[in-house]
Amino acid sequence: MRHLFKALAYSWGGLLVLLKEAAFRQELVMLLAALSAVCWRRGFSALGAALPWGLLVLITEALNTGIEKTVDLCTRERHPLAKAAKDAASFACGTAILAFALVCAREFFF
């Protein structure tokens, strides 16, 4: 049980770090607005289709933030590998957002 409580404390700390990130806050607001619109239009049954994709956006942003902070810790110089790591993580976020938007559009309009 002690391990579980430590893991929860680490997760809480991670959430507090993410809430300081503008991109995470924007994505969280986007997620809540989109899910609200889908539920308003189609009811709570549509939530089951859209919510996992919204959570994927938040998960991807958390990993992106971790990658960015790790790269920044390793080097402050502009290095092509550092840029490649950050760009790849950013692409993952963009792809997750696109997937979420497509699912929400399907649930909202069809």
N, C-alpha and C. Protein backbone atom coordinates (compact mmCIF):
# COMPACT_ATOMS: atom_id res chain seq x y z
N MET A 1 0.82 -1.19 0.00
CA MET A 1 0.00 0.00 0.00
C MET A 1 0.86 1.26 0.00
N ARG A 2 2.00 1.20 0.66
CA ARG A 2 2.86 2.37 0.73
C ARG A 2 3.33 2.78 -0.67
N HIS A 3 3.64 1.78 -1.49
CA HIS A 3 4.06 2.06 -2.86
C HIS A 3 2.94 2.77 -3.63
N LEU A 4 1.70 2.34 -3.44
CA LEU A 4 0.56 2.95 -4.12
C LEU A 4 0.42 4.42 -3.73
N PHE A 5 0.55 4.70 -2.43
CA PHE A 5 0.42 6.08 -1.97
C PHE A 5 1.56 6.96 -2.49
N LYS A 6 2.77 6.39 -2.57
CA LYS A 6 3.88 7.15 -3.15
C LYS A 6 3.64 7.43 -4.63
N ALA A 7 3.15 6.43 -5.34
CA ALA A 7 2.86 6.61 -6.76
C ALA A 7 1.79 7.69 -6.96
N LEU A 8 0.77 7.69 -6.11
CA LEU A 8 -0.27 8.72 -6.21
C LEU A 8 0.30 10.10 -5.92
N ALA A 9 1.21 10.18 -4.96
CA ALA A 9 1.85 11.47 -4.64
C ALA A 9 2.69 11.96 -5.82
N TYR A 10 3.42 11.05 -6.47
CA TYR A 10 4.21 11.43 -7.64
C TYR A 10 3.29 11.89 -8.78
N SER A 11 2.19 11.20 -8.96
CA SER A 11 1.24 11.57 -10.01
C SER A 11 0.64 12.95 -9.72
N TRP A 12 0.30 13.20 -8.47
CA TRP A 12 -0.23 14.51 -8.09
C TRP A 12 0.80 15.60 -8.37
N GLY A 13 2.05 15.32 -8.04
CA GLY A 13 3.13 16.27 -8.33
C GLY A 13 3.26 16.53 -9.81
N GLY A 14 3.12 15.49 -10.62
CA GLY A 14 3.17 15.64 -12.07
C GLY A 14 2.04 16.50 -12.58
N LEU A 15 0.85 16.31 -12.04
CA LEU A 15 -0.29 17.14 -12.44
C LEU A 15 -0.03 18.60 -12.09
N LEU A 16 0.53 18.86 -10.93
CA LEU A 16 0.83 20.24 -10.54
C LEU A 16 1.85 20.87 -11.49
N VAL A 17 2.84 20.08 -11.92
CA VAL A 17 3.81 20.58 -12.91
C VAL A 17 3.10 20.90 -14.21
N LEU A 18 2.25 20.00 -14.67
CA LEU A 18 1.55 20.18 -15.95
C LEU A 18 0.61 21.38 -15.92
N LEU A 19 -0.01 21.65 -14.78
CA LEU A 19 -0.92 22.78 -14.69
C LEU A 19 -0.21 24.11 -14.83
N LYS A 20 1.11 24.12 -14.69
CA LYS A 20 1.90 25.33 -14.90
C LYS A 20 2.23 25.55 -16.39
N GLU A 21 1.98 24.53 -17.20
CA GLU A 21 2.27 24.59 -18.63
C GLU A 21 1.05 25.12 -19.39
N ALA A 22 1.26 26.19 -20.16
CA ALA A 22 0.16 26.80 -20.91
C ALA A 22 -0.48 25.81 -21.88
N ALA A 23 0.33 25.03 -22.57
CA ALA A 23 -0.22 24.09 -23.56
C ALA A 23 -1.14 23.08 -22.87
N PHE A 24 -0.75 22.57 -21.71
CA PHE A 24 -1.59 21.60 -21.00
C PHE A 24 -2.91 22.24 -20.58
N ARG A 25 -2.83 23.46 -20.06
CA ARG A 25 -4.06 24.14 -19.64
C ARG A 25 -4.99 24.39 -20.83
N GLN A 26 -4.41 24.79 -21.96
CA GLN A 26 -5.23 25.02 -23.16
C GLN A 26 -5.87 23.73 -23.63
N GLU A 27 -5.12 22.65 -23.61
CA GLU A 27 -5.67 21.37 -24.06
C GLU A 27 -6.73 20.86 -23.10
N LEU A 28 -6.55 21.12 -21.82
CA LEU A 28 -7.55 20.71 -20.83
C LEU A 28 -8.86 21.46 -21.05
N VAL A 29 -8.77 22.76 -21.29
CA VAL A 29 -9.97 23.56 -21.57
C VAL A 29 -10.62 23.09 -22.87
N MET A 30 -9.81 22.83 -23.91
CA MET A 30 -10.33 22.34 -25.18
C MET A 30 -11.06 21.01 -24.97
N LEU A 31 -10.45 20.13 -24.20
CA LEU A 31 -11.05 18.82 -23.94
C LEU A 31 -12.39 18.97 -23.24
N LEU A 32 -12.45 19.80 -22.21
CA LEU A 32 -13.70 19.97 -21.48
C LEU A 32 -14.78 20.61 -22.34
N ALA A 33 -14.40 21.59 -23.16
CA ALA A 33 -15.37 22.23 -24.04
C ALA A 33 -15.88 21.26 -25.10
N ALA A 34 -14.98 20.51 -25.71
CA ALA A 34 -15.39 19.57 -26.75
C ALA A 34 -16.25 18.44 -26.18
N LEU A 35 -15.86 17.92 -25.04
CA LEU A 35 -16.66 16.85 -24.43
C LEU A 35 -18.03 17.36 -24.01
N SER A 36 -18.08 18.58 -23.51
CA SER A 36 -19.38 19.17 -23.15
C SER A 36 -20.27 19.32 -24.38
N ALA A 37 -19.69 19.78 -25.48
CA ALA A 37 -20.47 19.95 -26.71
C ALA A 37 -20.97 18.61 -27.23
N VAL A 38 -20.13 17.60 -27.19
CA VAL A 38 -20.53 16.27 -27.67
C VAL A 38 -21.64 15.72 -26.79
N CYS A 39 -21.50 15.86 -25.48
CA CYS A 39 -22.55 15.37 -24.57
C CYS A 39 -23.85 16.13 -24.75
N TRP A 40 -23.74 17.44 -24.97
CA TRP A 40 -24.94 18.26 -25.17
C TRP A 40 -25.68 17.81 -26.44
N ARG A 41 -24.90 17.52 -27.47
CA ARG A 41 -25.50 17.16 -28.77
C ARG A 41 -26.00 15.72 -28.81
N ARG A 42 -25.21 14.79 -28.25
CA ARG A 42 -25.51 13.36 -28.40
C ARG A 42 -25.82 12.64 -27.10
N GLY A 43 -25.65 13.28 -25.97
CA GLY A 43 -25.89 12.64 -24.69
C GLY A 43 -24.64 11.97 -24.16
N PHE A 44 -24.77 11.45 -22.96
CA PHE A 44 -23.61 10.88 -22.29
C PHE A 44 -23.09 9.61 -22.95
N SER A 45 -23.88 8.97 -23.79
CA SER A 45 -23.40 7.77 -24.47
C SER A 45 -22.23 8.08 -25.40
N ALA A 46 -22.20 9.28 -25.96
CA ALA A 46 -21.10 9.68 -26.84
C ALA A 46 -19.82 9.94 -26.07
N LEU A 47 -19.95 10.15 -24.78
CA LEU A 47 -18.77 10.40 -23.95
C LEU A 47 -17.81 9.22 -23.97
N GLY A 48 -18.36 8.02 -24.02
CA GLY A 48 -17.52 6.82 -24.04
C GLY A 48 -16.65 6.73 -25.28
N ALA A 49 -17.09 7.32 -26.38
CA ALA A 49 -16.29 7.31 -27.61
C ALA A 49 -15.24 8.40 -27.61
N ALA A 50 -15.56 9.57 -27.07
CA ALA A 50 -14.66 10.72 -27.16
C ALA A 50 -13.68 10.82 -25.99
N LEU A 51 -14.09 10.43 -24.81
CA LEU A 51 -13.25 10.62 -23.62
C LEU A 51 -11.88 9.94 -23.72
N PRO A 52 -11.80 8.69 -24.15
CA PRO A 52 -10.45 8.08 -24.24
C PRO A 52 -9.50 8.85 -25.15
N TRP A 53 -10.02 9.42 -26.23
CA TRP A 53 -9.18 10.20 -27.14
C TRP A 53 -8.76 11.51 -26.50
N GLY A 54 -9.64 12.09 -25.70
CA GLY A 54 -9.28 13.30 -24.97
C GLY A 54 -8.21 13.02 -23.94
N LEU A 55 -8.33 11.89 -23.26
CA LEU A 55 -7.30 11.51 -22.29
C LEU A 55 -5.96 11.26 -22.99
N LEU A 56 -6.03 10.72 -24.20
CA LEU A 56 -4.80 10.52 -24.98
C LEU A 56 -4.10 11.85 -25.25
N VAL A 57 -4.85 12.91 -25.50
CA VAL A 57 -4.26 14.23 -25.70
C VAL A 57 -3.50 14.65 -24.44
N LEU A 58 -4.13 14.50 -23.27
CA LEU A 58 -3.47 14.90 -22.02
C LEU A 58 -2.25 14.03 -21.73
N ILE A 59 -2.35 12.75 -21.99
CA ILE A 59 -1.21 11.85 -21.79
C ILE A 59 -0.05 12.24 -22.70
N THR A 60 -0.36 12.51 -23.95
CA THR A 60 0.68 12.88 -24.91
C THR A 60 1.33 14.20 -24.51
N GLU A 61 0.54 15.15 -24.05
CA GLU A 61 1.11 16.43 -23.61
C GLU A 61 1.99 16.23 -22.38
N ALA A 62 1.61 15.33 -21.50
CA ALA A 62 2.44 15.05 -20.33
C ALA A 62 3.79 14.46 -20.75
N LEU A 63 3.76 13.54 -21.69
CA LEU A 63 5.02 12.96 -22.19
C LEU A 63 5.85 14.00 -22.93
N ASN A 64 5.17 14.85 -23.71
CA ASN A 64 5.87 15.92 -24.42
C ASN A 64 6.57 16.86 -23.43
N THR A 65 5.88 17.22 -22.38
CA THR A 65 6.48 18.10 -21.36
C THR A 65 7.67 17.42 -20.72
N GLY A 66 7.56 16.13 -20.42
CA GLY A 66 8.68 15.40 -19.84
C GLY A 66 9.89 15.37 -20.77
N ILE A 67 9.64 15.16 -22.05
CA ILE A 67 10.73 15.14 -23.03
C ILE A 67 11.38 16.52 -23.13
N GLU A 68 10.56 17.56 -23.20
CA GLU A 68 11.10 18.91 -23.30
C GLU A 68 11.94 19.28 -22.09
N LYS A 69 11.45 18.95 -20.90
CA LYS A 69 12.19 19.29 -19.68
C LYS A 69 13.49 18.48 -19.58
N THR A 70 13.46 17.23 -20.02
CA THR A 70 14.67 16.41 -20.01
C THR A 70 15.70 16.96 -20.98
N VAL A 71 15.27 17.33 -22.18
CA VAL A 71 16.19 17.91 -23.16
C VAL A 71 16.78 19.21 -22.62
N ASP A 72 15.93 20.04 -22.01
CA ASP A 72 16.42 21.31 -21.46
C ASP A 72 17.42 21.08 -20.32
N LEU A 73 17.22 20.01 -19.56
CA LEU A 73 18.15 19.69 -18.49
C LEU A 73 19.50 19.25 -19.04
N CYS A 74 19.46 18.52 -20.16
CA CYS A 74 20.69 17.98 -20.74
C CYS A 74 21.53 19.02 -21.46
N THR A 75 20.87 19.96 -22.12
CA THR A 75 21.63 20.95 -22.88
C THR A 75 20.81 22.22 -23.08
N ARG A 76 21.49 23.34 -23.03
CA ARG A 76 20.85 24.63 -23.34
C ARG A 76 21.22 25.09 -24.74
N GLU A 77 22.20 24.41 -25.35
CA GLU A 77 22.61 24.81 -26.69
C GLU A 77 21.59 24.33 -27.71
N ARG A 78 21.56 25.00 -28.83
CA ARG A 78 20.68 24.59 -29.93
C ARG A 78 21.37 23.47 -30.69
N HIS A 79 20.87 22.26 -30.48
CA HIS A 79 21.47 21.08 -31.10
C HIS A 79 20.41 20.42 -31.97
N PRO A 80 20.79 19.92 -33.14
CA PRO A 80 19.80 19.28 -34.03
C PRO A 80 19.08 18.10 -33.38
N LEU A 81 19.76 17.33 -32.54
CA LEU A 81 19.11 16.19 -31.89
C LEU A 81 18.10 16.66 -30.84
N ALA A 82 18.43 17.74 -30.13
CA ALA A 82 17.49 18.29 -29.15
C ALA A 82 16.24 18.79 -29.86
N LYS A 83 16.45 19.48 -30.98
CA LYS A 83 15.31 19.97 -31.77
C LYS A 83 14.48 18.81 -32.30
N ALA A 84 15.14 17.77 -32.78
CA ALA A 84 14.43 16.61 -33.32
C ALA A 84 13.57 15.94 -32.24
N ALA A 85 14.11 15.81 -31.03
CA ALA A 85 13.35 15.19 -29.93
C ALA A 85 12.13 16.03 -29.58
N LYS A 86 12.32 17.34 -29.48
CA LYS A 86 11.19 18.22 -29.15
C LYS A 86 10.16 18.25 -30.28
N ASP A 87 10.62 18.29 -31.51
CA ASP A 87 9.70 18.32 -32.64
C ASP A 87 8.90 17.03 -32.75
N ALA A 88 9.53 15.90 -32.52
CA ALA A 88 8.84 14.62 -32.57
C ALA A 88 7.77 14.53 -31.49
N ALA A 89 8.10 14.99 -30.30
CA ALA A 89 7.13 14.99 -29.20
C ALA A 89 5.97 15.93 -29.51
N SER A 90 6.28 17.06 -30.10
CA SER A 90 5.24 18.01 -30.49
C SER A 90 4.33 17.42 -31.57
N PHE A 91 4.92 16.69 -32.51
CA PHE A 91 4.12 16.02 -33.54
C PHE A 91 3.16 15.02 -32.90
N ALA A 92 3.63 14.30 -31.90
CA ALA A 92 2.76 13.34 -31.21
C ALA A 92 1.55 14.06 -30.60
N CYS A 93 1.79 15.22 -30.01
CA CYS A 93 0.68 16.00 -29.44
C CYS A 93 -0.28 16.45 -30.53
N GLY A 94 0.25 16.96 -31.61
CA GLY A 94 -0.60 17.40 -32.70
C GLY A 94 -1.43 16.28 -33.28
N THR A 95 -0.84 15.11 -33.41
CA THR A 95 -1.56 13.95 -33.93
C THR A 95 -2.67 13.52 -32.97
N ALA A 96 -2.39 13.53 -31.69
CA ALA A 96 -3.41 13.17 -30.69
C ALA A 96 -4.56 14.17 -30.71
N ILE A 97 -4.25 15.45 -30.85
CA ILE A 97 -5.29 16.48 -30.93
C ILE A 97 -6.14 16.26 -32.18
N LEU A 98 -5.50 15.97 -33.30
CA LEU A 98 -6.24 15.70 -34.54
C LEU A 98 -7.18 14.51 -34.38
N ALA A 99 -6.68 13.43 -33.78
CA ALA A 99 -7.51 12.25 -33.57
C ALA A 99 -8.71 12.58 -32.69
N PHE A 100 -8.47 13.33 -31.62
CA PHE A 100 -9.56 13.74 -30.73
C PHE A 100 -10.57 14.60 -31.48
N ALA A 101 -10.08 15.54 -32.27
CA ALA A 101 -10.98 16.42 -33.03
C ALA A 101 -11.83 15.63 -34.01
N LEU A 102 -11.23 14.65 -34.66
CA LEU A 102 -11.98 13.82 -35.61
C LEU A 102 -13.07 13.01 -34.92
N VAL A 103 -12.74 12.43 -33.77
CA VAL A 103 -13.73 11.65 -33.03
C VAL A 103 -14.87 12.57 -32.55
N CYS A 104 -14.51 13.74 -32.03
CA CYS A 104 -15.54 14.67 -31.56
C CYS A 104 -16.41 15.14 -32.71
N ALA A 105 -15.81 15.41 -33.86
CA ALA A 105 -16.60 15.83 -35.02
C ALA A 105 -17.56 14.72 -35.45
N ARG A 106 -17.06 13.49 -35.45
CA ARG A 106 -17.93 12.35 -35.82
C ARG A 106 -19.10 12.24 -34.84
N GLU A 107 -18.80 12.36 -33.54
CA GLU A 107 -19.84 12.23 -32.53
C GLU A 107 -20.80 13.42 -32.57
N PHE A 108 -20.31 14.60 -32.90
CA PHE A 108 -21.13 15.79 -32.88
C PHE A 108 -22.03 15.89 -34.12
N PHE A 109 -21.47 15.58 -35.29
CA PHE A 109 -22.20 15.81 -36.53
C PHE A 109 -22.91 14.59 -37.11
N PHE A 110 -22.48 13.40 -36.74
CA PHE A 110 -23.07 12.21 -37.38
C PHE A 110 -23.78 11.31 -36.42
